[in-house]
Amino acid sequence: MRAREFTLLEVVSDPEVAKTQQKLVGLGYDLGPYGPKGDGVDGIVGPYTQAAIDAYEKGISPKDAPKPKQADV
């Protein structure tokens, strides 16, 4: 019997996403505890980044921005 083969997906950090994340953090949005500095800037659009982008686009202030649901994290 052979073990099942599987593919590991490589998650690649995007410098343009990191720039957007830096701007969001500068505005006060919480991007979670990810990235080398623990400020959420990692170049990957995860649930915290997406929630912050959605809030920003809807004009929701950082303090009122919803956090992602635990199941999304």
C-alpha atoms as a PDB file:
ATOM      1  CA  MET A   1       0.000   0.000   0.000  1.00  0.00           C
ATOM      2  CA  ARG A   2       1.419   3.410  -0.976  1.00  0.00           C
ATOM      3  CA  ALA A   3       1.098   6.524   1.078  1.00  0.00           C
ATOM      4  CA  ARG A   4      -1.141   9.125  -0.509  1.00  0.00           C
ATOM      5  CA  GLU A   5       0.691  11.748  -2.451  1.00  0.00           C
ATOM      6  CA  PHE A   6       0.000  15.351  -1.636  1.00  0.00           C
ATOM      7  CA  THR A   7       1.184  18.742  -2.728  1.00  0.00           C
ATOM      8  CA  LEU A   8       2.295  21.446  -0.358  1.00  0.00           C
ATOM      9  CA  LEU A   9       1.186  24.877  -1.440  1.00  0.00           C
ATOM     10  CA  GLU A  10       3.796  27.541  -1.024  1.00  0.00           C
ATOM     11  CA  VAL A  11       2.435  30.815   0.291  1.00  0.00           C
ATOM     12  CA  VAL A  12       4.348  33.672  -1.250  1.00  0.00           C
ATOM     13  CA  SER A  13       4.621  37.092   0.318  1.00  0.00           C
ATOM     14  CA  ASP A  14       3.726  39.913  -2.093  1.00  0.00           C
ATOM     15  CA  PRO A  15       5.584  43.236  -1.639  1.00  0.00           C
ATOM     16  CA  GLU A  16       2.571  45.208  -2.929  1.00  0.00           C
ATOM     17  CA  VAL A  17       0.325  43.542  -0.343  1.00  0.00           C
ATOM     18  CA  ALA A  18       2.900  44.364   2.339  1.00  0.00           C
ATOM     19  CA  LYS A  19       2.812  48.047   1.308  1.00  0.00           C
ATOM     20  CA  THR A  20      -0.975  48.085   1.600  1.00  0.00           C
ATOM     21  CA  GLN A  21      -0.748  46.359   4.975  1.00  0.00           C
ATOM     22  CA  GLN A  22       1.759  48.953   6.190  1.00  0.00           C
ATOM     23  CA  LYS A  23      -0.672  51.720   5.225  1.00  0.00           C
ATOM     24  CA  LEU A  24      -3.555  49.969   6.994  1.00  0.00           C
ATOM     25  CA  VAL A  25      -1.475  49.500  10.155  1.00  0.00           C
ATOM     26  CA  GLY A  26      -0.454  53.160   9.956  1.00  0.00           C
ATOM     27  CA  LEU A  27      -4.144  54.080   9.910  1.00  0.00           C
ATOM     28  CA  GLY A  28      -4.717  51.959  13.010  1.00  0.00           C
ATOM     29  CA  TYR A  29      -6.266  48.776  11.585  1.00  0.00           C
ATOM     30  CA  ASP A  30      -5.500  45.513  13.400  1.00  0.00           C
ATOM     31  CA  LEU A  31      -3.968  42.977  11.024  1.00  0.00           C
ATOM     32  CA  GLY A  32      -3.371  40.340  13.645  1.00  0.00           C
ATOM     33  CA  PRO A  33      -0.149  39.013  15.172  1.00  0.00           C
ATOM     34  CA  TYR A  34       1.491  37.908  11.921  1.00  0.00           C
ATOM     35  CA  GLY A  35       4.703  38.920  10.167  1.00  0.00           C
ATOM     36  CA  PRO A  36       8.224  39.407  11.441  1.00  0.00           C
ATOM     37  CA  LYS A  37       7.277  42.363  13.662  1.00  0.00           C
ATOM     38  CA  GLY A  38       4.005  40.836  14.867  1.00  0.00           C
ATOM     39  CA  ASP A  39       2.043  43.758  13.410  1.00  0.00           C
ATOM     40  CA  GLY A  40       0.261  41.806  10.679  1.00  0.00           C
ATOM     41  CA  VAL A  41       2.487  43.001   7.843  1.00  0.00           C
ATOM     42  CA  ASP A  42       3.504  39.795   6.099  1.00  0.00           C
ATOM     43  CA  GLY A  43       2.591  40.364   2.441  1.00  0.00           C
ATOM     44  CA  ILE A  44      -0.198  37.793   2.532  1.00  0.00           C
ATOM     45  CA  VAL A  45      -3.892  38.653   2.305  1.00  0.00           C
ATOM     46  CA  GLY A  46      -5.287  36.627   5.180  1.00  0.00           C
ATOM     47  CA  PRO A  47      -8.544  37.090   7.084  1.00  0.00           C
ATOM     48  CA  TYR A  48      -7.310  40.041   9.171  1.00  0.00           C
ATOM     49  CA  THR A  49      -6.015  41.916   6.137  1.00  0.00           C
ATOM     50  CA  GLN A  50      -9.211  41.235   4.194  1.00  0.00           C
ATOM     51  CA  ALA A  51     -11.363  42.428   7.107  1.00  0.00           C
ATOM     52  CA  ALA A  52      -9.307  45.633   7.342  1.00  0.00           C
ATOM     53  CA  ILE A  53      -9.537  46.256   3.583  1.00  0.00           C
ATOM     54  CA  ASP A  54     -13.305  45.700   3.650  1.00  0.00           C
ATOM     55  CA  ALA A  55     -13.698  48.065   6.597  1.00  0.00           C
ATOM     56  CA  TYR A  56     -11.529  50.742   4.973  1.00  0.00           C
ATOM     57  CA  GLU A  57     -13.469  50.517   1.707  1.00  0.00           C
ATOM     58  CA  LYS A  58     -16.750  50.893   3.621  1.00  0.00           C
ATOM     59  CA  GLY A  59     -15.453  53.875   5.572  1.00  0.00           C
ATOM     60  CA  ILE A  60     -15.446  52.020   8.897  1.00  0.00           C
ATOM     61  CA  SER A  61     -12.906  53.437  11.342  1.00  0.00           C
ATOM     62  CA  PRO A  62     -10.165  51.157  12.680  1.00  0.00           C
ATOM     63  CA  LYS A  63     -11.654  51.115  16.188  1.00  0.00           C
ATOM     64  CA  ASP A  64     -15.052  50.020  14.820  1.00  0.00           C
ATOM     65  CA  ALA A  65     -13.720  47.544  12.255  1.00  0.00           C
ATOM     66  CA  PRO A  66     -14.938  43.990  12.795  1.00  0.00           C
ATOM     67  CA  LYS A  67     -12.366  41.301  13.437  1.00  0.00           C
ATOM     68  CA  PRO A  68     -12.478  38.066  11.422  1.00  0.00           C
ATOM     69  CA  LYS A  69     -14.432  35.198  12.919  1.00  0.00           C
ATOM     70  CA  GLN A  70     -12.318  32.602  14.717  1.00  0.00           C
ATOM     71  CA  ALA A  71     -13.240  30.001  12.088  1.00  0.00           C
ATOM     72  CA  ASP A  72     -11.722  32.241   9.383  1.00  0.00           C
ATOM     73  CA  VAL A  73      -8.383  32.608  11.129  1.00  0.00           C
END
